Amino acid sequence: MNGVVISPASPLTGLFAAGSARAERRLVEHARLGPGDAVLVLGAGTGTGVRAAGALVPKGVAIAVDPSPDALRSCAARCSGLVGTGQVRLRPGTAERTGLGDGSVDVAISVDTVHLWPDVAAGFTELHRVLRPGGTLLLSVRRSRLRCKPLDLRLLARDAGFTEVIMRLGSLRLFSAPRFELLARKR
C-alpha cells in the first residue's frame, strides 16, 4: 500500500485477509474441480482456499504448500476434518520448490503470494512442471502488491511453457482493492 505499514493488530489486516479469502473461494469455484482432481494451493494461509478445494475433491486431494510453519498449523486447524480423511495434505515448500512430482496436480492456485516469490520465473517454471498436461494455473494478486508490470507476469508464464495465458484486472466487490487474475494452461 505505497509504503504504508499495517500491523497485525490493525483493523485493515482483517479486511485484507477477508479479501484474500474471497479471492481463494472465487478461484476454487472457477477451477471447476472434479471429484478426483489433485489441487495445489500455493500459500496455505489460514486454510480457506485449501478447505474449499478439499471439500470438492472427495476422491482426490488438495495439497497446501507454504514455507511458514505457522501458516501450515493454522491451515491444519481449519482443515482438520479433511486432513483426517486424506482430502487435504500439508507440506512445507515454496513456489520455486513445491516438493511435488512432475505432472502430479491438475490445478494450481495462488492467491496473494506471487509478490512473495523470490524468483517469479522459477515459481512459474515449478508450477508448470508439477501440473499434468491440460492442467490449469489460477493466480490472483492485489494490484497494490504486485512488484512488476502485469504484462511481465503473463510473459513469465508463457516463458515457463504455459499456453492460453489470460490476464485480467478485476475487483471482487465494490470498494475492494483491484486484483490482477491470471489463468494459464499447460499443454
N, C-alpha and C. Protein backbone atom coordinates (compact mmCIF):
# COMPACT_ATOMS: atom_id res chain seq x y z
N MET A 1 0.82 -1.20 0.00
CA MET A 1 0.00 0.00 0.00
C MET A 1 0.86 1.25 0.00
N ASN A 2 1.72 1.36 -0.97
CA ASN A 2 2.53 2.56 -1.15
C ASN A 2 3.28 2.98 0.11
N GLY A 3 3.98 2.04 0.72
CA GLY A 3 4.80 2.36 1.86
C GLY A 3 4.09 2.38 3.19
N VAL A 4 2.80 2.13 3.22
CA VAL A 4 2.07 2.10 4.49
C VAL A 4 2.28 0.74 5.14
N VAL A 5 2.70 0.74 6.38
CA VAL A 5 2.90 -0.50 7.11
C VAL A 5 1.66 -0.76 7.95
N ILE A 6 1.14 -1.98 7.84
CA ILE A 6 -0.06 -2.34 8.58
C ILE A 6 0.32 -3.38 9.62
N SER A 7 0.08 -3.10 10.86
CA SER A 7 0.43 -4.04 11.91
C SER A 7 -0.60 -5.17 11.95
N PRO A 8 -0.21 -6.35 12.47
CA PRO A 8 -1.15 -7.46 12.57
C PRO A 8 -2.39 -7.12 13.39
N ALA A 9 -2.29 -6.14 14.29
CA ALA A 9 -3.44 -5.77 15.13
C ALA A 9 -4.35 -4.75 14.45
N SER A 10 -3.95 -4.25 13.30
CA SER A 10 -4.72 -3.23 12.61
C SER A 10 -6.05 -3.78 12.09
N PRO A 11 -7.11 -2.98 12.13
CA PRO A 11 -8.39 -3.42 11.54
C PRO A 11 -8.25 -3.69 10.04
N LEU A 12 -7.28 -3.04 9.38
CA LEU A 12 -7.08 -3.28 7.96
C LEU A 12 -6.58 -4.68 7.67
N THR A 13 -5.86 -5.30 8.63
CA THR A 13 -5.38 -6.65 8.45
C THR A 13 -6.54 -7.60 8.20
N GLY A 14 -7.60 -7.46 8.95
CA GLY A 14 -8.78 -8.29 8.76
C GLY A 14 -9.44 -8.07 7.42
N LEU A 15 -9.45 -6.82 6.95
CA LEU A 15 -10.01 -6.53 5.64
C LEU A 15 -9.20 -7.19 4.53
N PHE A 16 -7.86 -7.12 4.64
CA PHE A 16 -7.01 -7.76 3.63
C PHE A 16 -7.20 -9.27 3.65
N ALA A 17 -7.27 -9.86 4.84
CA ALA A 17 -7.47 -11.30 4.95
C ALA A 17 -8.81 -11.71 4.36
N ALA A 18 -9.84 -10.92 4.61
CA ALA A 18 -11.17 -11.23 4.06
C ALA A 18 -11.14 -11.15 2.54
N GLY A 19 -10.42 -10.19 1.99
CA GLY A 19 -10.31 -10.08 0.53
C GLY A 19 -9.58 -11.27 -0.06
N SER A 20 -8.53 -11.72 0.61
CA SER A 20 -7.81 -12.90 0.13
C SER A 20 -8.70 -14.14 0.20
N ALA A 21 -9.45 -14.28 1.28
CA ALA A 21 -10.34 -15.44 1.44
C ALA A 21 -11.39 -15.46 0.32
N ARG A 22 -11.96 -14.31 0.00
CA ARG A 22 -12.94 -14.23 -1.11
C ARG A 22 -12.28 -14.62 -2.42
N ALA A 23 -11.06 -14.14 -2.64
CA ALA A 23 -10.35 -14.47 -3.88
C ALA A 23 -10.04 -15.96 -3.95
N GLU A 24 -9.67 -16.56 -2.83
CA GLU A 24 -9.40 -18.00 -2.81
C GLU A 24 -10.65 -18.80 -3.16
N ARG A 25 -11.78 -18.45 -2.54
CA ARG A 25 -13.03 -19.17 -2.84
C ARG A 25 -13.41 -18.97 -4.31
N ARG A 26 -13.20 -17.77 -4.81
CA ARG A 26 -13.53 -17.48 -6.22
C ARG A 26 -12.69 -18.33 -7.17
N LEU A 27 -11.39 -18.42 -6.92
CA LEU A 27 -10.54 -19.21 -7.81
C LEU A 27 -10.86 -20.70 -7.71
N VAL A 28 -11.16 -21.18 -6.51
CA VAL A 28 -11.56 -22.59 -6.37
C VAL A 28 -12.83 -22.84 -7.18
N GLU A 29 -13.77 -21.93 -7.12
CA GLU A 29 -15.01 -22.07 -7.88
C GLU A 29 -14.72 -22.08 -9.39
N HIS A 30 -13.84 -21.17 -9.84
CA HIS A 30 -13.52 -21.07 -11.27
C HIS A 30 -12.67 -22.25 -11.75
N ALA A 31 -12.04 -22.97 -10.85
CA ALA A 31 -11.21 -24.11 -11.25
C ALA A 31 -12.04 -25.28 -11.76
N ARG A 32 -13.33 -25.31 -11.40
CA ARG A 32 -14.23 -26.40 -11.83
C ARG A 32 -13.61 -27.76 -11.52
N LEU A 33 -13.30 -27.96 -10.27
CA LEU A 33 -12.64 -29.17 -9.83
C LEU A 33 -13.54 -30.39 -9.97
N GLY A 34 -12.93 -31.49 -10.37
CA GLY A 34 -13.63 -32.76 -10.42
C GLY A 34 -13.37 -33.53 -9.14
N PRO A 35 -14.20 -34.53 -8.82
CA PRO A 35 -14.07 -35.24 -7.55
C PRO A 35 -12.72 -35.94 -7.35
N GLY A 36 -12.04 -36.29 -8.43
CA GLY A 36 -10.76 -37.00 -8.29
C GLY A 36 -9.55 -36.14 -8.58
N ASP A 37 -9.73 -34.83 -8.69
CA ASP A 37 -8.62 -33.94 -9.03
C ASP A 37 -7.63 -33.79 -7.88
N ALA A 38 -6.39 -33.51 -8.26
CA ALA A 38 -5.34 -33.12 -7.32
C ALA A 38 -5.11 -31.63 -7.51
N VAL A 39 -5.18 -30.87 -6.42
CA VAL A 39 -5.09 -29.42 -6.46
C VAL A 39 -3.95 -28.95 -5.57
N LEU A 40 -3.09 -28.13 -6.12
CA LEU A 40 -2.04 -27.48 -5.34
C LEU A 40 -2.52 -26.09 -4.97
N VAL A 41 -2.54 -25.79 -3.68
CA VAL A 41 -2.85 -24.44 -3.21
C VAL A 41 -1.54 -23.88 -2.65
N LEU A 42 -0.98 -22.94 -3.39
CA LEU A 42 0.30 -22.37 -3.02
C LEU A 42 0.07 -21.22 -2.06
N GLY A 43 0.54 -21.38 -0.85
CA GLY A 43 0.29 -20.39 0.20
C GLY A 43 -0.92 -20.83 1.00
N ALA A 44 -0.70 -21.66 1.98
CA ALA A 44 -1.81 -22.22 2.77
C ALA A 44 -2.59 -21.16 3.51
N GLY A 45 -1.89 -20.14 3.98
CA GLY A 45 -2.55 -19.08 4.74
C GLY A 45 -3.35 -19.65 5.89
N THR A 46 -4.58 -19.20 6.02
CA THR A 46 -5.44 -19.68 7.10
C THR A 46 -6.22 -20.93 6.71
N GLY A 47 -6.06 -21.37 5.47
CA GLY A 47 -6.70 -22.61 5.04
C GLY A 47 -8.02 -22.45 4.32
N THR A 48 -8.45 -21.23 4.07
CA THR A 48 -9.75 -21.00 3.43
C THR A 48 -9.82 -21.67 2.05
N GLY A 49 -8.85 -21.39 1.20
CA GLY A 49 -8.85 -21.97 -0.14
C GLY A 49 -8.61 -23.47 -0.13
N VAL A 50 -7.75 -23.91 0.77
CA VAL A 50 -7.45 -25.33 0.88
C VAL A 50 -8.70 -26.11 1.29
N ARG A 51 -9.42 -25.59 2.27
CA ARG A 51 -10.65 -26.25 2.72
C ARG A 51 -11.70 -26.26 1.61
N ALA A 52 -11.85 -25.15 0.91
CA ALA A 52 -12.82 -25.10 -0.19
C ALA A 52 -12.47 -26.10 -1.28
N ALA A 53 -11.19 -26.19 -1.63
CA ALA A 53 -10.76 -27.14 -2.66
C ALA A 53 -10.90 -28.57 -2.16
N GLY A 54 -10.48 -28.84 -0.94
CA GLY A 54 -10.55 -30.20 -0.39
C GLY A 54 -11.96 -30.74 -0.34
N ALA A 55 -12.92 -29.87 -0.06
CA ALA A 55 -14.32 -30.30 0.01
C ALA A 55 -14.86 -30.72 -1.35
N LEU A 56 -14.24 -30.23 -2.43
CA LEU A 56 -14.72 -30.53 -3.78
C LEU A 56 -14.02 -31.73 -4.43
N VAL A 57 -13.04 -32.30 -3.74
CA VAL A 57 -12.28 -33.42 -4.32
C VAL A 57 -12.32 -34.65 -3.40
N PRO A 58 -13.51 -35.24 -3.19
CA PRO A 58 -13.62 -36.34 -2.24
C PRO A 58 -12.78 -37.57 -2.60
N LYS A 59 -12.48 -37.74 -3.89
CA LYS A 59 -11.63 -38.86 -4.31
C LYS A 59 -10.25 -38.37 -4.73
N GLY A 60 -10.01 -37.09 -4.56
CA GLY A 60 -8.73 -36.50 -4.92
C GLY A 60 -8.06 -35.94 -3.69
N VAL A 61 -7.29 -34.86 -3.91
CA VAL A 61 -6.56 -34.27 -2.79
C VAL A 61 -6.28 -32.79 -3.07
N ALA A 62 -6.34 -31.99 -2.02
CA ALA A 62 -5.88 -30.61 -2.06
C ALA A 62 -4.59 -30.55 -1.26
N ILE A 63 -3.53 -30.09 -1.89
CA ILE A 63 -2.22 -30.05 -1.26
C ILE A 63 -1.84 -28.60 -1.00
N ALA A 64 -1.69 -28.26 0.27
CA ALA A 64 -1.29 -26.91 0.66
C ALA A 64 0.22 -26.88 0.83
N VAL A 65 0.86 -25.96 0.13
CA VAL A 65 2.30 -25.77 0.24
C VAL A 65 2.55 -24.36 0.73
N ASP A 66 3.33 -24.25 1.80
CA ASP A 66 3.64 -22.94 2.38
C ASP A 66 4.97 -23.03 3.10
N PRO A 67 5.81 -21.99 3.01
CA PRO A 67 7.08 -22.02 3.73
C PRO A 67 6.94 -21.74 5.23
N SER A 68 5.78 -21.26 5.66
CA SER A 68 5.60 -20.85 7.05
C SER A 68 5.00 -21.97 7.91
N PRO A 69 5.71 -22.41 8.94
CA PRO A 69 5.13 -23.40 9.85
C PRO A 69 3.85 -22.88 10.52
N ASP A 70 3.81 -21.58 10.83
CA ASP A 70 2.61 -21.01 11.44
C ASP A 70 1.41 -21.10 10.51
N ALA A 71 1.62 -20.80 9.23
CA ALA A 71 0.53 -20.89 8.26
C ALA A 71 0.07 -22.33 8.11
N LEU A 72 1.00 -23.27 8.08
CA LEU A 72 0.63 -24.68 7.96
C LEU A 72 -0.16 -25.15 9.18
N ARG A 73 0.22 -24.68 10.37
CA ARG A 73 -0.54 -25.03 11.59
C ARG A 73 -1.95 -24.45 11.54
N SER A 74 -2.07 -23.19 11.12
CA SER A 74 -3.37 -22.55 11.02
C SER A 74 -4.25 -23.28 10.00
N CYS A 75 -3.67 -23.63 8.88
CA CYS A 75 -4.40 -24.37 7.84
C CYS A 75 -4.82 -25.74 8.37
N ALA A 76 -3.94 -26.42 9.06
CA ALA A 76 -4.26 -27.74 9.62
C ALA A 76 -5.43 -27.66 10.58
N ALA A 77 -5.47 -26.60 11.38
CA ALA A 77 -6.57 -26.44 12.33
C ALA A 77 -7.89 -26.22 11.59
N ARG A 78 -7.89 -25.37 10.56
CA ARG A 78 -9.12 -25.09 9.82
C ARG A 78 -9.57 -26.30 9.01
N CYS A 79 -8.63 -27.11 8.57
CA CYS A 79 -8.95 -28.24 7.67
C CYS A 79 -8.82 -29.59 8.38
N SER A 80 -8.90 -29.62 9.69
CA SER A 80 -8.60 -30.85 10.43
C SER A 80 -9.43 -32.05 9.96
N GLY A 81 -10.70 -31.86 9.71
CA GLY A 81 -11.53 -32.97 9.25
C GLY A 81 -11.08 -33.51 7.90
N LEU A 82 -10.74 -32.61 6.99
CA LEU A 82 -10.30 -33.02 5.66
C LEU A 82 -8.88 -33.60 5.68
N VAL A 83 -8.05 -33.13 6.61
CA VAL A 83 -6.72 -33.72 6.78
C VAL A 83 -6.89 -35.17 7.25
N GLY A 84 -7.85 -35.37 8.17
CA GLY A 84 -8.11 -36.71 8.70
C GLY A 84 -8.57 -37.70 7.64
N THR A 85 -9.32 -37.23 6.64
CA THR A 85 -9.80 -38.13 5.58
C THR A 85 -8.80 -38.27 4.44
N GLY A 86 -7.73 -37.47 4.47
CA GLY A 86 -6.73 -37.52 3.41
C GLY A 86 -7.05 -36.62 2.23
N GLN A 87 -8.15 -35.88 2.30
CA GLN A 87 -8.51 -34.98 1.20
C GLN A 87 -7.64 -33.72 1.20
N VAL A 88 -7.00 -33.42 2.31
CA VAL A 88 -6.08 -32.29 2.39
C VAL A 88 -4.76 -32.79 2.94
N ARG A 89 -3.68 -32.39 2.27
CA ARG A 89 -2.32 -32.68 2.74
C ARG A 89 -1.59 -31.35 2.86
N LEU A 90 -0.73 -31.26 3.85
CA LEU A 90 0.04 -30.04 4.10
C LEU A 90 1.52 -30.36 3.98
N ARG A 91 2.26 -29.46 3.35
CA ARG A 91 3.70 -29.68 3.24
C ARG A 91 4.44 -28.36 3.17
N PRO A 92 5.62 -28.32 3.77
CA PRO A 92 6.44 -27.12 3.66
C PRO A 92 7.00 -27.02 2.24
N GLY A 93 7.10 -25.81 1.73
CA GLY A 93 7.67 -25.61 0.41
C GLY A 93 7.43 -24.19 -0.05
N THR A 94 7.89 -23.91 -1.25
CA THR A 94 7.78 -22.58 -1.84
C THR A 94 7.30 -22.72 -3.28
N ALA A 95 7.04 -21.60 -3.91
CA ALA A 95 6.65 -21.62 -5.32
C ALA A 95 7.76 -22.24 -6.17
N GLU A 96 9.00 -21.98 -5.81
CA GLU A 96 10.13 -22.48 -6.57
C GLU A 96 10.45 -23.94 -6.27
N ARG A 97 10.02 -24.41 -5.09
CA ARG A 97 10.30 -25.79 -4.65
C ARG A 97 9.10 -26.34 -3.90
N THR A 98 8.15 -26.86 -4.65
CA THR A 98 6.93 -27.38 -4.01
C THR A 98 7.14 -28.75 -3.37
N GLY A 99 8.13 -29.49 -3.86
CA GLY A 99 8.36 -30.84 -3.36
C GLY A 99 7.43 -31.87 -3.98
N LEU A 100 6.67 -31.47 -4.98
CA LEU A 100 5.75 -32.38 -5.66
C LEU A 100 6.41 -32.97 -6.90
N GLY A 101 5.89 -34.11 -7.35
CA GLY A 101 6.44 -34.78 -8.52
C GLY A 101 5.99 -34.13 -9.82
N ASP A 102 6.68 -34.48 -10.88
CA ASP A 102 6.31 -34.00 -12.22
C ASP A 102 4.89 -34.43 -12.55
N GLY A 103 4.10 -33.51 -13.09
CA GLY A 103 2.75 -33.82 -13.54
C GLY A 103 1.87 -34.44 -12.47
N SER A 104 1.97 -33.96 -11.25
CA SER A 104 1.24 -34.58 -10.14
C SER A 104 -0.06 -33.88 -9.76
N VAL A 105 -0.35 -32.70 -10.33
CA VAL A 105 -1.58 -31.99 -9.98
C VAL A 105 -2.32 -31.54 -11.24
N ASP A 106 -3.64 -31.42 -11.10
CA ASP A 106 -4.49 -30.97 -12.20
C ASP A 106 -4.65 -29.45 -12.22
N VAL A 107 -4.63 -28.85 -11.03
CA VAL A 107 -4.87 -27.42 -10.88
C VAL A 107 -3.89 -26.87 -9.84
N ALA A 108 -3.37 -25.68 -10.12
CA ALA A 108 -2.56 -24.95 -9.13
C ALA A 108 -3.21 -23.59 -8.91
N ILE A 109 -3.34 -23.22 -7.64
CA ILE A 109 -4.00 -21.98 -7.26
C ILE A 109 -3.05 -21.18 -6.38
N SER A 110 -2.94 -19.87 -6.68
CA SER A 110 -2.12 -18.98 -5.87
C SER A 110 -2.87 -17.67 -5.68
N VAL A 111 -3.10 -17.29 -4.44
CA VAL A 111 -3.77 -16.03 -4.13
C VAL A 111 -2.87 -15.20 -3.22
N ASP A 112 -2.54 -14.03 -3.68
CA ASP A 112 -1.74 -13.07 -2.90
C ASP A 112 -0.43 -13.67 -2.40
N THR A 113 0.24 -14.43 -3.28
CA THR A 113 1.56 -14.94 -2.92
C THR A 113 2.64 -14.58 -3.92
N VAL A 114 2.29 -14.32 -5.17
CA VAL A 114 3.31 -14.12 -6.21
C VAL A 114 4.27 -12.99 -5.85
N HIS A 115 3.83 -12.00 -5.15
CA HIS A 115 4.71 -10.90 -4.76
C HIS A 115 5.72 -11.33 -3.69
N LEU A 116 5.52 -12.50 -3.10
CA LEU A 116 6.44 -13.02 -2.09
C LEU A 116 7.46 -14.00 -2.67
N TRP A 117 7.28 -14.41 -3.92
CA TRP A 117 8.20 -15.36 -4.53
C TRP A 117 9.53 -14.67 -4.80
N PRO A 118 10.63 -15.18 -4.26
CA PRO A 118 11.93 -14.56 -4.52
C PRO A 118 12.29 -14.56 -6.01
N ASP A 119 11.89 -15.62 -6.71
CA ASP A 119 12.20 -15.76 -8.13
C ASP A 119 10.92 -16.14 -8.87
N VAL A 120 10.24 -15.15 -9.40
CA VAL A 120 8.93 -15.38 -10.03
C VAL A 120 9.05 -16.31 -11.23
N ALA A 121 10.09 -16.15 -12.03
CA ALA A 121 10.28 -17.02 -13.20
C ALA A 121 10.43 -18.48 -12.76
N ALA A 122 11.22 -18.71 -11.72
CA ALA A 122 11.40 -20.08 -11.21
C ALA A 122 10.10 -20.62 -10.63
N GLY A 123 9.29 -19.77 -10.02
CA GLY A 123 7.99 -20.20 -9.50
C GLY A 123 7.07 -20.68 -10.61
N PHE A 124 7.00 -19.91 -11.70
CA PHE A 124 6.17 -20.33 -12.84
C PHE A 124 6.69 -21.62 -13.45
N THR A 125 8.00 -21.76 -13.54
CA THR A 125 8.59 -22.98 -14.09
C THR A 125 8.24 -24.19 -13.23
N GLU A 126 8.31 -24.02 -11.91
CA GLU A 126 7.96 -25.12 -11.00
C GLU A 126 6.48 -25.48 -11.11
N LEU A 127 5.62 -24.49 -11.19
CA LEU A 127 4.19 -24.77 -11.31
C LEU A 127 3.88 -25.47 -12.62
N HIS A 128 4.55 -25.09 -13.69
CA HIS A 128 4.38 -25.77 -14.97
C HIS A 128 4.83 -27.22 -14.85
N ARG A 129 5.93 -27.46 -14.17
CA ARG A 129 6.47 -28.81 -14.00
C ARG A 129 5.50 -29.73 -13.26
N VAL A 130 4.88 -29.23 -12.19
CA VAL A 130 4.04 -30.11 -11.36
C VAL A 130 2.64 -30.30 -11.93
N LEU A 131 2.22 -29.45 -12.88
CA LEU A 131 0.91 -29.62 -13.49
C LEU A 131 0.94 -30.73 -14.53
N ARG A 132 -0.16 -31.49 -14.58
CA ARG A 132 -0.33 -32.51 -15.62
C ARG A 132 -0.61 -31.81 -16.95
N PRO A 133 -0.38 -32.49 -18.07
CA PRO A 133 -0.81 -31.92 -19.35
C PRO A 133 -2.31 -31.61 -19.30
N GLY A 134 -2.68 -30.43 -19.76
CA GLY A 134 -4.07 -29.98 -19.69
C GLY A 134 -4.40 -29.29 -18.37
N GLY A 135 -3.42 -29.23 -17.47
CA GLY A 135 -3.63 -28.61 -16.16
C GLY A 135 -3.77 -27.10 -16.24
N THR A 136 -4.32 -26.53 -15.18
CA THR A 136 -4.63 -25.11 -15.14
C THR A 136 -3.97 -24.42 -13.95
N LEU A 137 -3.43 -23.25 -14.20
CA LEU A 137 -2.91 -22.37 -13.15
C LEU A 137 -3.87 -21.20 -13.02
N LEU A 138 -4.31 -20.93 -11.79
CA LEU A 138 -5.15 -19.77 -11.48
C LEU A 138 -4.41 -18.96 -10.44
N LEU A 139 -4.16 -17.70 -10.75
CA LEU A 139 -3.39 -16.83 -9.86
C LEU A 139 -4.13 -15.51 -9.70
N SER A 140 -4.17 -15.01 -8.48
CA SER A 140 -4.79 -13.71 -8.21
C SER A 140 -3.89 -12.94 -7.25
N VAL A 141 -3.74 -11.65 -7.52
CA VAL A 141 -2.92 -10.81 -6.65
C VAL A 141 -3.48 -9.39 -6.65
N ARG A 142 -3.46 -8.77 -5.49
CA ARG A 142 -3.88 -7.37 -5.41
C ARG A 142 -2.93 -6.52 -6.22
N ARG A 143 -3.48 -5.60 -6.94
CA ARG A 143 -2.68 -4.71 -7.79
C ARG A 143 -1.62 -3.98 -6.96
N SER A 144 -1.98 -3.58 -5.76
CA SER A 144 -1.05 -2.82 -4.91
C SER A 144 0.13 -3.66 -4.44
N ARG A 145 0.01 -4.99 -4.49
CA ARG A 145 1.10 -5.85 -4.03
C ARG A 145 2.04 -6.28 -5.15
N LEU A 146 1.62 -6.12 -6.37
CA LEU A 146 2.40 -6.60 -7.50
C LEU A 146 3.68 -5.80 -7.63
N ARG A 147 4.82 -6.50 -7.69
CA ARG A 147 6.12 -5.84 -7.77
C ARG A 147 6.62 -5.65 -9.20
N CYS A 148 5.85 -6.10 -10.15
CA CYS A 148 6.25 -5.96 -11.55
C CYS A 148 5.04 -5.52 -12.36
N LYS A 149 5.24 -5.31 -13.63
CA LYS A 149 4.13 -4.96 -14.51
C LYS A 149 3.29 -6.23 -14.74
N PRO A 150 1.98 -6.09 -14.81
CA PRO A 150 1.12 -7.26 -15.05
C PRO A 150 1.52 -8.02 -16.32
N LEU A 151 1.91 -7.29 -17.36
CA LEU A 151 2.34 -7.95 -18.59
C LEU A 151 3.54 -8.86 -18.34
N ASP A 152 4.41 -8.47 -17.40
CA ASP A 152 5.57 -9.30 -17.08
C ASP A 152 5.14 -10.67 -16.54
N LEU A 153 4.09 -10.70 -15.71
CA LEU A 153 3.59 -11.99 -15.21
C LEU A 153 3.13 -12.86 -16.38
N ARG A 154 2.41 -12.26 -17.29
CA ARG A 154 1.92 -13.01 -18.45
C ARG A 154 3.09 -13.57 -19.26
N LEU A 155 4.11 -12.75 -19.48
CA LEU A 155 5.27 -13.19 -20.25
C LEU A 155 6.05 -14.28 -19.52
N LEU A 156 6.20 -14.14 -18.21
CA LEU A 156 6.90 -15.16 -17.43
C LEU A 156 6.15 -16.50 -17.48
N ALA A 157 4.82 -16.44 -17.44
CA ALA A 157 4.03 -17.68 -17.54
C ALA A 157 4.24 -18.32 -18.91
N ARG A 158 4.23 -17.53 -19.95
CA ARG A 158 4.47 -18.05 -21.31
C ARG A 158 5.89 -18.63 -21.42
N ASP A 159 6.87 -17.91 -20.88
CA ASP A 159 8.26 -18.39 -20.93
C ASP A 159 8.43 -19.72 -20.20
N ALA A 160 7.61 -19.95 -19.19
CA ALA A 160 7.68 -21.21 -18.43
C ALA A 160 7.01 -22.36 -19.19
N GLY A 161 6.31 -22.05 -20.28
CA GLY A 161 5.69 -23.09 -21.09
C GLY A 161 4.17 -23.10 -21.08
N PHE A 162 3.57 -22.18 -20.31
CA PHE A 162 2.11 -22.13 -20.27
C PHE A 162 1.56 -21.58 -21.59
N THR A 163 0.38 -22.05 -21.96
CA THR A 163 -0.32 -21.56 -23.15
C THR A 163 -1.64 -20.96 -22.71
N GLU A 164 -2.32 -20.34 -23.62
CA GLU A 164 -3.62 -19.73 -23.31
C GLU A 164 -3.54 -18.88 -22.04
N VAL A 165 -2.53 -18.05 -21.95
CA VAL A 165 -2.33 -17.22 -20.77
C VAL A 165 -3.23 -15.98 -20.89
N ILE A 166 -4.16 -15.87 -19.96
CA ILE A 166 -5.11 -14.76 -19.96
C ILE A 166 -4.94 -13.99 -18.67
N MET A 167 -4.88 -12.68 -18.78
CA MET A 167 -4.76 -11.84 -17.60
C MET A 167 -5.85 -10.78 -17.64
N ARG A 168 -6.45 -10.54 -16.48
CA ARG A 168 -7.48 -9.50 -16.43
C ARG A 168 -7.39 -8.75 -15.12
N LEU A 169 -7.90 -7.53 -15.15
CA LEU A 169 -7.99 -6.71 -13.95
C LEU A 169 -9.44 -6.75 -13.50
N GLY A 170 -9.63 -7.03 -12.24
CA GLY A 170 -10.99 -7.08 -11.73
C GLY A 170 -11.04 -6.69 -10.27
N SER A 171 -12.22 -6.72 -9.72
CA SER A 171 -12.43 -6.43 -8.31
C SER A 171 -13.50 -7.37 -7.82
N LEU A 172 -13.35 -7.85 -6.60
CA LEU A 172 -14.30 -8.81 -6.04
C LEU A 172 -15.58 -8.15 -5.56
N ARG A 173 -15.49 -6.93 -5.10
CA ARG A 173 -16.64 -6.21 -4.56
C ARG A 173 -16.43 -4.72 -4.73
N LEU A 174 -17.52 -4.01 -4.57
CA LEU A 174 -17.43 -2.57 -4.56
C LEU A 174 -16.50 -2.14 -3.43
N PHE A 175 -15.63 -1.24 -3.68
CA PHE A 175 -14.65 -0.70 -2.72
C PHE A 175 -13.53 -1.68 -2.36
N SER A 176 -13.42 -2.82 -3.01
CA SER A 176 -12.30 -3.70 -2.70
C SER A 176 -11.14 -3.37 -3.63
N ALA A 177 -9.95 -3.77 -3.20
CA ALA A 177 -8.75 -3.46 -3.96
C ALA A 177 -8.78 -4.17 -5.32
N PRO A 178 -8.38 -3.47 -6.38
CA PRO A 178 -8.32 -4.13 -7.69
C PRO A 178 -7.33 -5.29 -7.67
N ARG A 179 -7.64 -6.33 -8.42
CA ARG A 179 -6.80 -7.53 -8.49
C ARG A 179 -6.49 -7.86 -9.93
N PHE A 180 -5.30 -8.39 -10.11
CA PHE A 180 -4.96 -9.00 -11.39
C PHE A 180 -5.18 -10.49 -11.23
N GLU A 181 -5.84 -11.08 -12.21
CA GLU A 181 -6.06 -12.52 -12.21
C GLU A 181 -5.45 -13.09 -13.48
N LEU A 182 -4.74 -14.19 -13.33
CA LEU A 182 -4.10 -14.85 -14.44
C LEU A 182 -4.61 -16.28 -14.52
N LEU A 183 -4.96 -16.70 -15.72
CA LEU A 183 -5.35 -18.07 -15.99
C LEU A 183 -4.41 -18.58 -17.06
N ALA A 184 -3.81 -19.73 -16.84
CA ALA A 184 -2.88 -20.29 -17.82
C ALA A 184 -3.06 -21.81 -17.85
N ARG A 185 -2.82 -22.38 -19.01
CA ARG A 185 -2.95 -23.83 -19.18
C ARG A 185 -1.62 -24.44 -19.63
N LYS A 186 -1.46 -25.69 -19.24
CA LYS A 186 -0.30 -26.46 -19.70
C LYS A 186 -0.77 -27.41 -20.79
N ARG A 187 -0.08 -27.42 -21.90
CA ARG A 187 -0.45 -28.36 -22.97
C ARG A 187 -0.09 -29.77 -22.60
